Protein backbone atom coordinates (compact mmCIF):
# COMPACT_ATOMS: atom_id res chain seq x y z
CA MET A 1 26.37 -14.97 -17.50
CA PHE A 2 23.53 -17.21 -16.80
CA LEU A 3 22.76 -20.14 -18.90
CA GLU A 4 19.02 -21.06 -19.11
CA SER A 5 19.29 -24.25 -17.21
CA GLU A 6 21.01 -21.98 -14.34
CA LEU A 7 18.32 -19.32 -14.52
CA MET A 8 15.82 -22.24 -14.10
CA ASP A 9 17.33 -23.78 -11.28
CA GLN A 10 17.63 -20.46 -9.63
CA GLU A 11 13.71 -19.67 -10.09
CA SER A 12 12.84 -23.10 -8.94
CA LYS A 13 14.94 -22.34 -5.69
CA THR A 14 13.21 -19.07 -5.40
CA SER A 15 9.48 -20.30 -6.12
CA GLY A 16 10.28 -23.24 -3.38
CA LYS A 17 11.23 -20.61 -0.85
CA LYS A 18 7.75 -18.63 -1.62
CA ALA A 19 5.67 -21.64 -1.23
CA ARG A 20 7.12 -22.29 1.98
CA GLY A 21 6.57 -18.73 3.12
CA GLU A 22 10.19 -17.82 3.32
CA SER A 23 11.92 -14.70 1.46
CA GLU A 24 15.07 -13.70 0.20
CA PRO A 25 16.62 -10.75 1.93
CA PHE A 26 17.01 -7.61 -0.03
CA ALA A 27 20.02 -6.81 -1.83
CA GLY A 28 22.77 -5.36 0.41
CA SER A 29 20.59 -6.62 3.33
CA SER A 30 22.39 -9.58 5.76
CA GLY A 31 18.82 -10.93 6.52
CA ASN A 32 19.37 -10.45 10.48
CA GLU A 33 17.48 -7.41 10.86
CA ALA A 34 14.91 -7.19 13.56
CA ALA A 35 11.17 -7.80 12.46
CA VAL A 36 9.05 -4.87 12.55
CA GLU A 37 7.08 -5.00 15.67
CA ALA A 38 3.37 -5.01 15.54
CA PRO A 39 1.75 -1.83 17.21
CA GLU A 40 0.63 -2.23 20.69
CA GLU A 41 -2.81 -3.40 21.59
CA GLY A 42 -5.31 -0.56 21.41
CA LEU A 43 -3.43 1.46 18.71
CA LYS A 44 -4.91 2.19 15.30
CA LYS A 45 -3.21 3.22 12.04
CA GLU A 46 -4.66 6.12 10.40
CA TYR A 47 -3.59 7.06 6.69
CA VAL A 48 -3.66 10.34 4.73
CA ILE A 49 -4.53 10.09 0.93
CA ASP A 50 -2.71 12.73 -1.17
CA ILE A 51 -4.37 13.62 -4.63
CA PHE A 52 -2.02 15.39 -6.85
CA ARG A 53 -4.17 17.66 -8.89
CA ASP A 54 -1.90 18.37 -11.74
CA TRP A 55 -1.45 14.96 -12.60
CA CYS A 56 -5.11 13.68 -12.34
CA LYS A 57 -6.93 13.17 -15.43
CA GLY A 58 -10.18 12.38 -13.47
CA CYS A 59 -10.59 8.84 -14.66
CA GLY A 60 -12.56 7.84 -11.69
CA ILE A 61 -10.72 4.40 -11.10
CA CYS A 62 -9.56 5.22 -7.45
CA ALA A 63 -13.20 6.33 -6.53
CA GLU A 64 -14.83 3.31 -8.24
CA PHE A 65 -12.87 0.73 -6.70
CA CYS A 66 -12.02 1.89 -3.59
CA PRO A 67 -13.06 -0.91 -0.93
CA LYS A 68 -13.81 1.30 2.08
CA LYS A 69 -15.14 4.24 -0.29
CA CYS A 70 -12.94 6.69 0.95
CA ILE A 71 -12.95 8.78 -2.59
CA LYS A 72 -15.53 10.02 -4.30
CA MET A 73 -15.99 11.87 -7.74
CA ASN A 74 -17.16 15.55 -7.03
CA ALA A 75 -19.27 17.77 -9.53
CA ALA A 76 -16.40 18.51 -11.51
CA GLY A 77 -15.31 15.31 -12.07
CA GLU A 78 -12.14 15.22 -9.95
CA PRO A 79 -11.69 12.59 -7.00
CA GLU A 80 -12.00 13.89 -3.54
CA VAL A 81 -11.36 12.30 -0.15
CA VAL A 82 -14.49 11.97 1.60
CA ASN A 83 -13.62 9.22 4.18
CA ALA A 84 -10.08 9.65 5.45
CA LYS A 85 -10.41 8.04 8.67
CA GLY A 86 -11.98 4.87 6.79
CA CYS A 87 -8.80 4.40 4.89
CA THR A 88 -7.10 1.14 5.59
CA GLY A 89 -3.97 1.91 3.87
CA CYS A 90 -4.58 -0.96 1.21
CA GLY A 91 -2.91 1.25 -1.59
CA TRP A 92 -5.37 0.09 -4.06
CA CYS A 93 -5.91 3.69 -5.28
CA GLU A 94 -2.04 4.54 -5.43
CA LEU A 95 -1.32 1.11 -7.40
CA HIS A 96 -4.00 1.40 -10.14
CA CYS A 97 -3.69 5.18 -10.69
CA PRO A 98 -2.82 5.30 -14.45
CA ASP A 99 -1.27 8.72 -13.77
CA PHE A 100 0.49 8.06 -10.29
CA ALA A 101 -1.65 11.09 -8.93
CA ILE A 102 -2.33 9.31 -5.53
CA CYS A 103 -0.05 8.65 -2.49
CA VAL A 104 -1.27 6.78 0.54
CA ARG A 105 0.95 7.66 3.82
CA GLU A 106 0.65 6.35 7.44
CA LEU A 107 -0.15 9.01 10.00
CA ALA A 108 1.46 8.76 13.55
CA VAL A 109 -0.68 6.00 15.62
CA LYS A 110 -3.10 7.04 17.75
CA LYS A 111 -4.74 5.32 20.87
CA ALA A 112 -8.21 3.95 19.89
CA ALA A 113 -9.22 5.46 23.39
CA GLU A 114 -8.48 8.89 22.22
CA GLU A 115 -10.30 8.22 19.22
CA ALA A 116 -13.52 7.58 20.99
CA ASP A 117 -13.52 10.86 22.85
């Protein structure tokens, strides 16, 4: 059982690490895992935006605040993806959807040269 002073000590150690850019490993993690490699030069990530129609109430939050305007509301008041290639995968729509009706997934990586063809 933690006492309040022990909890505060724990939080101050954690916040000190965050200020220095360090992070705690996940529970069950040894902290020795290899870092995820950055994509090779010339490769571009693409994303799929899935909208679960049965869950969506049509509030429009996703369309209104998408930084790349990838989602628009149609005439029926439902969101639809209009610019999937412009999606940066920020996940703003997914995180702020009150109905959990949007999922942003990363697609396989394609070479930028193939995109130009």
